[in-house]
N, C-alpha and C. Protein backbone atom coordinates (compact mmCIF):
# COMPACT_ATOMS: atom_id res chain seq x y z
N UNK A 1 42.81 21.22 89.40
CA UNK A 1 42.19 21.31 88.34
C UNK A 1 42.73 21.05 86.91
N UNK A 2 42.18 20.14 85.94
CA UNK A 2 42.58 19.96 85.32
C UNK A 2 42.19 20.85 83.86
N UNK A 3 42.68 20.69 82.35
CA UNK A 3 42.40 21.52 80.93
C UNK A 3 41.46 22.47 81.62
N UNK A 4 41.69 23.41 82.68
CA UNK A 4 41.08 24.75 82.92
C UNK A 4 41.10 25.47 81.56
N UNK A 5 39.28 25.92 81.63
CA UNK A 5 38.72 26.65 80.09
C UNK A 5 38.99 28.06 80.54
N UNK A 6 38.63 28.62 79.17
CA UNK A 6 38.93 30.29 79.61
C UNK A 6 37.93 30.95 80.53
N UNK A 7 37.07 30.30 80.03
CA UNK A 7 36.16 30.88 81.04
C UNK A 7 36.19 30.79 82.95
N UNK A 8 36.60 29.33 83.05
CA UNK A 8 36.94 29.18 84.39
C UNK A 8 38.19 30.18 84.78
N UNK A 9 38.84 30.37 84.17
CA UNK A 9 39.67 31.44 84.50
C UNK A 9 39.73 32.54 84.30
N UNK A 10 38.65 32.90 84.06
CA UNK A 10 37.91 34.26 84.02
C UNK A 10 37.09 34.51 85.29
N UNK A 11 36.56 33.03 85.87
CA UNK A 11 36.02 33.21 86.82
C UNK A 11 36.86 33.02 87.96
N UNK A 12 37.67 32.75 88.11
CA UNK A 12 38.98 32.75 89.34
C UNK A 12 39.25 34.22 89.09
N UNK A 13 39.39 35.10 88.15
CA UNK A 13 39.95 36.13 88.16
C UNK A 13 39.20 36.70 89.15
N UNK A 14 37.69 37.11 88.67
CA UNK A 14 36.63 38.12 89.13
C UNK A 14 36.40 37.55 90.67
N UNK A 15 36.58 36.30 90.84
CA UNK A 15 35.90 35.99 92.23
C UNK A 15 37.54 36.71 93.22
N UNK A 16 38.74 36.30 92.93
CA UNK A 16 39.80 37.06 93.28
C UNK A 16 39.82 38.70 93.27
N UNK A 17 39.05 39.27 92.77
CA UNK A 17 38.92 40.83 92.18
C UNK A 17 39.99 41.17 91.35
N UNK A 18 40.11 40.86 90.53
CA UNK A 18 41.29 41.21 89.83
C UNK A 18 41.26 41.91 88.75
N UNK A 19 42.03 42.51 87.85
CA UNK A 19 41.66 42.60 86.73
C UNK A 19 42.69 42.07 85.80
N UNK A 20 42.60 42.22 84.87
CA UNK A 20 43.65 41.22 83.74
C UNK A 20 45.14 40.99 83.71
N UNK A 21 45.58 42.30 83.65
CA UNK A 21 46.89 42.78 84.19
C UNK A 21 47.40 42.68 85.55
N UNK A 22 46.44 42.82 86.96
CA UNK A 22 46.69 42.18 88.41
C UNK A 22 46.61 41.08 88.12
N UNK A 23 46.00 39.95 87.30
CA UNK A 23 45.63 38.45 87.60
C UNK A 23 47.09 38.02 86.88
N UNK A 24 47.74 38.20 85.63
CA UNK A 24 48.78 38.43 84.62
C UNK A 24 50.42 38.66 85.58
N UNK A 25 49.96 39.31 86.64
CA UNK A 25 51.41 39.79 87.63
C UNK A 25 51.06 38.99 88.87
N UNK A 26 49.97 38.31 88.96
CA UNK A 26 49.84 37.30 89.93
C UNK A 26 50.60 35.64 89.75
N UNK A 27 50.21 35.43 88.06
CA UNK A 27 50.75 34.36 87.90
C UNK A 27 52.41 34.45 87.25
N UNK A 28 53.17 35.83 87.55
CA UNK A 28 53.94 36.19 86.86
C UNK A 28 54.02 35.43 85.51
N UNK A 29 53.32 36.02 84.73
CA UNK A 29 52.90 35.93 83.10
C UNK A 29 52.82 36.97 82.29
N UNK A 30 53.32 37.02 81.04
CA UNK A 30 53.41 38.68 80.81
C UNK A 30 51.65 38.60 80.61
N UNK A 31 51.49 39.70 80.28
CA UNK A 31 50.09 40.57 80.16
C UNK A 31 49.27 39.91 78.95
N UNK A 32 50.03 40.07 77.78
CA UNK A 32 49.66 39.59 76.84
C UNK A 32 49.14 37.17 76.20
N UNK A 33 50.36 36.72 77.26
CA UNK A 33 49.88 35.61 77.61
C UNK A 33 48.89 35.92 78.06
N UNK A 34 48.47 36.15 79.31
CA UNK A 34 47.55 36.04 80.33
C UNK A 34 46.16 36.36 79.28
N UNK A 35 46.37 37.19 78.42
CA UNK A 35 45.19 37.70 78.08
C UNK A 35 44.50 36.52 76.83
N UNK A 36 45.67 36.01 76.17
CA UNK A 36 45.43 34.89 75.33
C UNK A 36 44.54 33.22 75.75
N UNK A 37 45.23 33.43 76.67
CA UNK A 37 44.66 32.49 77.58
C UNK A 37 43.30 32.39 78.55
N UNK A 38 42.97 34.01 78.80
CA UNK A 38 41.80 33.85 78.76
C UNK A 38 40.58 34.15 77.69
N UNK A 39 41.09 34.35 76.70
CA UNK A 39 40.39 34.72 75.44
C UNK A 39 39.92 33.39 74.48
N UNK A 40 41.29 32.45 75.06
CA UNK A 40 40.93 31.38 74.39
C UNK A 40 42.09 31.19 72.98
N UNK A 41 42.29 32.53 73.34
CA UNK A 41 43.64 31.80 71.91
C UNK A 41 44.50 31.37 72.11
N UNK A 42 44.90 30.88 73.41
CA UNK A 42 46.33 30.30 73.99
C UNK A 42 45.69 28.71 74.69
N UNK A 43 46.50 27.21 74.12
CA UNK A 43 45.86 27.20 75.44
C UNK A 43 46.51 27.12 77.09
N UNK A 44 45.50 26.95 78.38
CA UNK A 44 46.37 27.42 79.30
C UNK A 44 46.73 25.68 80.40
N UNK A 45 48.16 25.94 80.68
CA UNK A 45 49.29 25.58 80.72
C UNK A 45 48.78 24.56 82.33
N UNK A 46 48.86 23.60 82.69
CA UNK A 46 48.06 22.82 83.92
C UNK A 46 48.66 23.38 85.06
N UNK A 47 50.35 24.00 85.23
CA UNK A 47 50.73 24.85 86.05
C UNK A 47 49.78 26.49 86.09
N UNK A 48 49.33 26.94 85.52
CA UNK A 48 48.45 27.69 85.53
C UNK A 48 47.52 27.72 86.43
N UNK A 49 46.78 26.20 85.65
CA UNK A 49 45.62 25.78 86.59
C UNK A 49 45.95 25.95 88.03
N UNK A 50 46.86 25.01 88.10
CA UNK A 50 47.04 24.66 89.54
C UNK A 50 47.40 25.81 90.80
N UNK A 51 48.34 26.94 89.43
CA UNK A 51 48.40 28.01 90.38
C UNK A 51 47.22 28.88 90.86
N UNK A 52 46.62 28.73 89.55
CA UNK A 52 45.13 29.68 90.05
C UNK A 52 44.30 28.83 91.20
N UNK A 53 44.59 27.78 91.28
CA UNK A 53 43.80 26.95 92.55
C UNK A 53 44.34 27.22 93.78
N UNK A 54 45.85 27.79 93.57
CA UNK A 54 46.69 27.80 94.87
C UNK A 54 46.09 29.27 95.12
N UNK A 55 45.85 30.23 94.02
CA UNK A 55 45.72 31.70 94.59
C UNK A 55 44.05 32.06 95.28
N UNK A 56 43.38 31.26 94.77
CA UNK A 56 42.02 31.03 94.98
C UNK A 56 41.78 30.47 96.57
N UNK A 57 42.35 29.33 96.79
CA UNK A 57 42.81 29.25 97.95
C UNK A 57 43.19 29.89 99.24
N UNK A 58 44.34 31.10 98.98
CA UNK A 58 44.67 31.23 99.48
C UNK A 58 43.76 32.35 99.89
N UNK A 59 43.20 33.02 99.12
CA UNK A 59 42.28 34.45 99.38
C UNK A 59 41.29 33.84 100.43
N UNK A 60 40.78 32.50 100.67
CA UNK A 60 39.29 31.68 101.21
C UNK A 60 40.47 31.89 102.45
N UNK A 61 41.71 31.50 102.86
CA UNK A 61 42.57 31.37 104.12
C UNK A 61 42.42 32.78 104.63
N UNK A 62 42.54 34.09 103.74
CA UNK A 62 42.94 35.40 104.04
C UNK A 62 41.58 35.94 104.71
N UNK A 63 40.71 35.20 103.75
CA UNK A 63 39.50 36.03 104.44
C UNK A 63 38.99 34.94 106.04
N UNK A 64 39.58 33.87 106.10
CA UNK A 64 39.09 33.09 107.23
C UNK A 64 39.75 33.64 108.27
N UNK A 65 40.72 34.22 107.69
CA UNK A 65 41.99 34.44 109.18
C UNK A 65 41.20 35.96 109.47
N UNK A 66 40.82 36.57 108.41
CA UNK A 66 40.00 38.09 108.82
C UNK A 66 38.99 37.93 109.74
N UNK A 67 38.40 36.98 109.09
CA UNK A 67 36.96 37.11 109.95
C UNK A 67 37.26 36.52 111.59
N UNK A 68 38.38 35.57 111.54
CA UNK A 68 38.12 35.07 113.01
C UNK A 68 38.88 35.69 114.04
N UNK A 69 40.07 36.79 113.41
CA UNK A 69 40.25 37.90 113.87
C UNK A 69 38.87 39.17 114.67
N UNK A 70 38.57 39.07 113.36
CA UNK A 70 37.06 40.52 113.97
C UNK A 70 36.15 39.88 115.20
N UNK A 71 36.44 37.87 114.81
CA UNK A 71 35.48 37.28 115.68
C UNK A 71 36.09 37.78 117.54
N UNK A 72 37.46 37.62 117.45
CA UNK A 72 38.15 37.66 118.68
C UNK A 72 38.04 38.86 119.11
N UNK A 73 38.52 39.84 118.36
CA UNK A 73 38.44 41.26 118.64
C UNK A 73 36.98 42.22 119.30
N UNK A 74 35.98 41.16 118.58
CA UNK A 74 34.57 41.62 118.96
C UNK A 74 34.06 40.77 120.17
N UNK A 75 35.39 40.05 120.61
CA UNK A 75 34.19 39.54 121.45
C UNK A 75 32.86 38.32 121.32
N UNK A 76 33.25 37.86 120.21
CA UNK A 76 32.04 36.49 119.34
C UNK A 76 32.53 35.52 119.36
N UNK A 77 34.02 35.32 119.58
CA UNK A 77 34.52 33.97 119.55
C UNK A 77 33.78 32.88 120.05
N UNK A 78 33.21 31.37 119.93
CA UNK A 78 33.33 30.98 120.93
C UNK A 78 34.06 29.36 121.29
């Protein structure tokens, strides 16, 4: 993800179900810095965009694993 916009960052945070403080902690950045990224007061560094993409992928992988386990335990796996 190149040149992440504040709107894309906010959308990713909301998809992860995190508030701004939780997202800042997940990215290991100060809350104020994160807040400035999301509100457009500061440019979002490329490394942040990569980290956000990885968080989104991790979230999808976790959900897929949960779905697979539920299917196995309920006897619905094919």
